[in-house]
Protein backbone atom coordinates (compact mmCIF):
# COMPACT_ATOMS: atom_id res chain seq x y z
CA MET A 1 9.99 -23.73 19.50
CA GLN A 2 10.84 -20.34 18.81
CA ALA A 3 10.58 -19.53 14.94
CA ARG A 4 14.06 -18.52 13.34
CA ILE A 5 14.54 -14.79 13.05
CA PRO A 6 15.17 -13.82 9.34
CA ALA A 7 18.73 -12.79 8.46
CA ASP A 8 19.42 -9.15 8.27
CA LEU A 9 16.98 -7.88 10.96
CA ASP A 10 18.62 -5.39 13.16
CA ARG A 11 18.45 -5.78 16.91
CA LYS A 12 15.17 -3.71 17.43
CA GLU A 13 13.52 -5.57 14.64
CA SER A 14 14.52 -8.99 15.95
CA GLU A 15 13.09 -7.87 19.26
CA VAL A 16 9.73 -7.32 17.74
CA TYR A 17 9.78 -10.07 15.44
CA ARG A 18 10.05 -12.53 18.34
CA GLN A 19 6.68 -11.55 19.30
CA LEU A 20 5.17 -12.52 16.15
CA ASP A 21 3.53 -15.48 14.90
CA PRO A 22 5.04 -16.18 11.32
CA GLU A 23 2.29 -18.11 10.42
CA ARG A 24 -0.36 -15.42 10.74
CA LEU A 25 1.59 -12.58 8.83
CA PRO A 26 -0.72 -10.35 6.63
CA ARG A 27 -0.36 -11.21 3.16
CA HIS A 28 -0.67 -7.88 1.69
CA ILE A 29 0.17 -4.70 3.63
CA ALA A 30 -0.93 -1.24 2.36
CA ILE A 31 0.66 1.99 3.54
CA ILE A 32 -0.45 5.60 3.47
CA MET A 33 2.81 7.47 3.64
CA ASP A 34 1.89 10.93 5.34
CA GLY A 35 3.85 13.33 7.17
CA ASN A 36 6.87 14.58 4.90
CA GLY A 37 5.91 18.26 5.09
CA ARG A 38 5.33 18.42 8.73
CA TRP A 39 8.54 16.44 9.35
CA ALA A 40 10.41 19.30 7.36
CA LYS A 41 8.56 21.94 8.90
CA ARG A 42 9.35 20.70 12.36
CA ARG A 43 13.20 20.97 11.47
CA HIS A 44 12.69 24.29 9.79
CA MET A 45 13.73 22.76 6.25
CA PRO A 46 11.62 23.09 2.92
CA ARG A 47 9.28 20.47 2.16
CA ALA A 48 11.63 18.72 -0.52
CA ALA A 49 13.77 17.83 2.62
CA GLY A 50 10.95 15.70 4.05
CA HIS A 51 10.24 14.05 0.66
CA ARG A 52 13.97 13.32 0.39
CA ALA A 53 13.90 11.74 3.89
CA GLY A 54 11.07 9.76 2.84
CA VAL A 55 12.87 7.77 0.52
CA THR A 56 15.08 6.47 3.42
CA ALA A 57 11.85 5.05 4.91
CA VAL A 58 10.52 3.40 1.76
CA ARG A 59 13.99 1.61 1.61
CA SER A 60 13.81 0.20 5.27
CA THR A 61 10.32 -0.70 5.22
CA VAL A 62 10.54 -2.67 1.77
CA GLU A 63 13.64 -4.33 2.80
CA THR A 64 11.99 -5.43 6.13
CA ALA A 65 8.86 -6.67 4.42
CA ALA A 66 10.94 -8.49 1.94
CA ARG A 67 13.04 -10.18 4.66
CA ILE A 68 10.11 -11.51 6.83
CA GLY A 69 8.27 -12.83 3.72
CA ILE A 70 5.40 -10.38 3.21
CA GLN A 71 3.83 -11.21 -0.18
CA ALA A 72 2.78 -7.69 -1.35
CA LEU A 73 3.46 -4.18 -0.16
CA THR A 74 1.83 -1.38 -1.73
CA LEU A 75 2.76 2.25 -1.03
CA TYR A 76 0.49 5.42 -1.51
CA ALA A 77 3.15 7.54 -3.27
CA PHE A 78 1.24 10.17 -5.33
CA SER A 79 -2.39 10.73 -5.48
CA GLU A 80 -4.38 12.29 -8.27
CA GLU A 81 -5.39 15.23 -5.97
CA ASN A 82 -1.69 16.05 -5.73
CA TRP A 83 -1.66 17.55 -9.08
CA LYS A 84 -4.07 20.13 -7.84
CA LYS A 85 -3.27 20.48 -4.03
CA ARG A 86 0.37 20.74 -4.31
CA PRO A 87 2.59 23.62 -6.00
CA LYS A 88 3.79 22.94 -9.51
CA SER A 89 7.41 23.27 -8.16
CA GLU A 90 6.71 20.66 -5.56
CA VAL A 91 5.30 18.30 -8.10
CA ASP A 92 8.04 18.62 -10.31
CA PHE A 93 10.36 17.88 -7.66
CA LEU A 94 8.36 14.56 -6.82
CA MET A 95 8.42 13.45 -10.34
CA ARG A 96 12.22 13.85 -10.42
CA LEU A 97 12.66 12.30 -7.05
CA LEU A 98 10.70 9.39 -8.10
CA SER A 99 12.90 8.96 -11.15
CA ARG A 100 15.96 9.20 -9.23
CA TYR A 101 14.48 6.54 -6.59
CA LEU A 102 13.63 3.98 -9.38
CA LYS A 103 17.22 4.26 -10.97
CA ALA A 104 18.95 4.11 -7.46
CA GLU A 105 16.78 1.41 -5.93
CA VAL A 106 16.68 -1.44 -8.68
CA PRO A 107 19.93 -2.92 -7.39
CA THR A 108 18.63 -3.02 -3.77
CA LEU A 109 14.99 -4.49 -4.90
CA ASN A 110 16.99 -7.11 -7.03
CA LYS A 111 18.91 -8.21 -3.95
CA ASN A 112 15.95 -8.53 -1.80
CA ASN A 113 14.07 -10.31 -4.54
CA VAL A 114 11.44 -7.65 -4.79
CA ARG A 115 9.30 -7.33 -7.94
CA LEU A 116 8.05 -3.57 -8.85
CA GLU A 117 4.55 -2.95 -10.10
CA TYR A 118 2.42 0.20 -10.33
CA ILE A 119 -1.31 1.16 -9.99
CA GLY A 120 -2.78 4.51 -10.97
CA ARG A 121 -3.33 6.41 -14.34
CA GLN A 122 0.29 6.14 -15.44
CA HIS A 123 -0.38 7.49 -18.83
CA GLU A 124 -0.97 10.93 -17.38
CA LEU A 125 2.55 10.94 -15.60
CA PRO A 126 5.43 12.88 -17.50
CA GLU A 127 6.79 10.69 -20.38
CA ASP A 128 10.26 10.37 -19.20
CA VAL A 129 8.80 9.29 -15.71
CA GLN A 130 6.73 6.67 -17.25
CA GLU A 131 10.02 5.46 -19.32
CA ARG A 132 11.96 5.19 -16.16
CA MET A 133 9.02 3.18 -14.46
CA ALA A 134 8.85 0.77 -17.45
CA TRP A 135 12.56 0.32 -17.16
CA ALA A 136 12.37 -0.39 -13.43
CA ARG A 137 9.56 -2.79 -13.78
CA THR A 138 11.32 -4.68 -16.29
CA ASN A 139 14.60 -4.99 -14.63
CA THR A 140 12.86 -6.33 -11.41
CA GLY A 141 10.36 -8.58 -13.32
CA HIS A 142 12.33 -11.67 -12.73
CA ASN A 143 12.04 -11.52 -9.01
CA THR A 144 9.67 -14.05 -7.12
CA GLY A 145 9.67 -12.42 -3.57
CA THR A 146 7.67 -9.44 -2.41
CA VAL A 147 5.49 -7.49 -4.94
CA LEU A 148 6.17 -3.87 -4.40
CA THR A 149 3.33 -1.62 -5.89
CA LEU A 150 3.62 1.98 -5.82
CA ALA A 151 0.28 3.89 -6.29
CA LEU A 152 0.87 6.77 -8.61
CA ASN A 153 -1.23 9.35 -10.00
CA TYR A 154 -3.76 7.06 -7.95
CA SER A 155 -7.48 7.80 -7.10
CA ALA A 156 -9.52 5.02 -5.78
CA ARG A 157 -12.64 6.61 -7.08
CA SER A 158 -10.92 6.81 -10.59
CA GLU A 159 -9.92 3.11 -10.22
CA LEU A 160 -13.46 2.25 -9.82
CA VAL A 161 -14.52 4.51 -12.82
CA ASP A 162 -11.85 2.72 -14.95
CA ALA A 163 -13.01 -0.69 -13.80
CA PHE A 164 -16.83 -0.13 -14.95
CA ARG A 165 -15.50 1.48 -18.16
CA SER A 166 -13.46 -1.73 -18.82
CA MET A 167 -16.29 -4.04 -17.93
CA VAL A 168 -18.51 -2.24 -20.50
CA ASP A 169 -15.81 -2.24 -23.11
CA THR A 170 -15.37 -5.86 -22.53
CA ALA A 171 -19.17 -6.57 -22.73
CA ALA A 172 -19.03 -4.76 -26.09
CA GLN A 173 -16.27 -6.88 -27.56
CA ASN A 174 -18.46 -9.96 -26.44
CA GLY A 175 -21.92 -9.71 -27.87
CA GLY A 176 -22.97 -6.10 -26.38
CA ILE A 177 -24.18 -4.63 -23.32
CA ASP A 178 -26.80 -7.11 -22.92
CA HIS A 179 -24.12 -9.62 -21.96
CA LEU A 180 -22.81 -7.34 -19.26
CA LEU A 181 -22.52 -9.28 -15.92
CA ILE A 182 -22.01 -7.11 -12.92
CA ASP A 183 -21.18 -8.66 -9.56
CA GLU A 184 -18.32 -8.34 -6.94
CA GLU A 185 -16.01 -10.82 -8.85
CA ALA A 186 -16.48 -8.89 -11.98
CA VAL A 187 -15.69 -5.72 -10.47
CA ARG A 188 -12.65 -7.22 -8.66
CA SER A 189 -11.12 -8.47 -11.98
CA HIS A 190 -11.10 -5.26 -13.54
CA LEU A 191 -9.38 -3.18 -10.65
CA TYR A 192 -5.78 -2.15 -10.86
CA THR A 193 -5.09 -4.80 -8.03
CA ARG A 194 -6.75 -7.73 -9.79
CA ASP A 195 -3.59 -9.76 -9.54
CA LEU A 196 -3.02 -9.08 -5.70
CA PRO A 197 -4.95 -10.38 -2.52
CA ASP A 198 -6.99 -7.58 -0.86
CA PRO A 199 -4.78 -5.98 1.86
CA ASP A 200 -5.19 -7.37 5.38
CA LEU A 201 -3.47 -4.49 7.07
CA VAL A 202 -3.57 -0.74 6.14
CA VAL A 203 -0.92 1.52 7.84
CA ARG A 204 -1.30 5.31 8.21
CA THR A 205 1.35 7.27 9.45
CA SER A 206 1.45 10.75 11.02
CA GLY A 207 -1.72 10.07 13.29
CA GLU A 208 -4.40 11.12 10.64
CA MET A 209 -7.62 9.13 10.76
CA ARG A 210 -8.70 8.81 7.13
CA LEU A 211 -8.06 6.58 4.06
CA SER A 212 -7.58 9.41 1.76
CA ASN A 213 -9.16 7.85 -1.30
CA PHE A 214 -6.91 4.78 -1.13
CA LEU A 215 -8.05 1.24 -2.17
CA LEU A 216 -11.65 1.97 -1.13
CA TRP A 217 -13.03 -1.32 -2.48
CA GLN A 218 -9.83 -3.51 -1.49
CA LEU A 219 -9.80 -2.18 2.24
CA ALA A 220 -13.21 -3.17 3.14
CA TYR A 221 -12.10 -5.64 5.63
CA ALA A 222 -8.66 -4.64 6.29
CA GLU A 223 -7.33 -3.92 9.79
CA ILE A 224 -6.34 -0.37 10.19
CA TYR A 225 -3.22 0.60 12.24
CA VAL A 226 -2.48 4.26 12.64
CA THR A 227 0.95 5.57 14.05
CA SER A 228 1.79 9.13 15.11
CA THR A 229 5.16 8.51 13.44
CA LEU A 230 5.82 11.02 10.54
CA TRP A 231 6.73 9.13 7.35
CA PRO A 232 10.25 10.11 7.19
CA ASP A 233 11.01 8.68 10.60
CA PHE A 234 9.26 5.19 9.76
CA ARG A 235 11.49 2.33 9.61
CA GLY A 236 11.22 -1.44 9.34
CA VAL A 237 10.71 -1.77 13.20
CA HIS A 238 7.54 0.13 12.81
CA LEU A 239 6.15 -1.95 10.29
CA LEU A 240 6.94 -4.98 12.48
CA GLU A 241 5.08 -3.28 15.45
CA GLY A 242 2.01 -2.59 13.17
CA ILE A 243 2.00 -6.34 12.38
CA ALA A 244 2.25 -7.16 16.30
CA GLU A 245 -0.87 -5.03 16.69
CA TYR A 246 -2.64 -6.69 13.77
CA GLN A 247 -1.94 -10.16 15.24
CA LYS A 248 -3.71 -9.03 18.35
CA ARG A 249 -6.93 -8.80 16.59
CA GLU A 250 -9.67 -11.09 15.55
CA ARG A 251 -10.76 -10.65 11.96
CA ARG A 252 -14.45 -11.46 11.80
CA TYR A 253 -15.38 -10.18 8.26
CA GLY A 254 -18.71 -9.22 9.40
CA GLY A 255 -19.23 -12.38 11.61
CA LEU A 256 -19.31 -12.74 15.54
CA ASN A 257 -16.66 -12.93 18.04
CA HIS A 258 -15.83 -16.53 19.22
CA GLY A 259 -17.55 -15.72 22.48
CA ASP A 260 -20.67 -14.29 20.80
CA SER A 261 -23.88 -15.92 19.73
CA PRO A 262 -27.20 -14.70 18.29
CA ALA A 263 -28.95 -15.67 21.41
CA HIS A 264 -26.77 -13.55 23.43
CA SER A 265 -26.32 -10.59 21.15
CA ALA A 266 -28.11 -7.46 21.97
CA PRO A 267 -31.30 -6.68 20.46
CA ALA A 268 -31.34 -4.36 17.45
CA LYS A 269 -32.77 -1.01 17.64
CA VAL A 270 -35.27 0.08 15.27
CA THR A 271 -35.27 3.67 14.20
CA LYS A 272 -37.97 5.52 12.62
């Protein structure tokens, strides 16, 4: 029996959704949004135009994720490296664009039952942007559907540094450093994403083959889907295509294929 197609999917989205197994959707999808500058350059437009166009891609992707019941969606919006690698004028524009996006999109997020969260060193962002972020989080805090997390002023290496600092501080408050326990669960519980499952799928747009310092701990066993589509052209249907590819793969978490066994595995090579 064919699964019911969620309401509000357009024709192209519905065609792809029919190929999916609704019981095997990824719980958490992370997206590295890339290609705004190239999109604008190809059209002989300023980079700012690419960033503006990227907002439409965010809206379409978030709405589709919510409509099909994805539990968590994390978008890499602004990295720590962006402060140094982008002109100040562009960074200032991105901060203004973020504030406008948050103000404009809260009604749409509420309509789709999406709760907004953030990861990254938020305290280093401009104060007015922090205030807008807090307002948007509060005004979507009652929603119970998809958790949309924006990675802002984010660096995976900084996240790990902050996690280790937090672990030491916690130990100091509970009897001193001798009581510090370090294992995978302890690290996980101090990450920015401690309230989220690790991503099952990471999507990278614009054809680039790198993680760009994004969720390095959490993506240890995530499936990677790379599309040549530039972010401003990305839509909900592209998200569904990524999920369709994800469902074709067998996730082994370091184990064997169903048809493999140790007895039939190729012998390990010893190097000196």
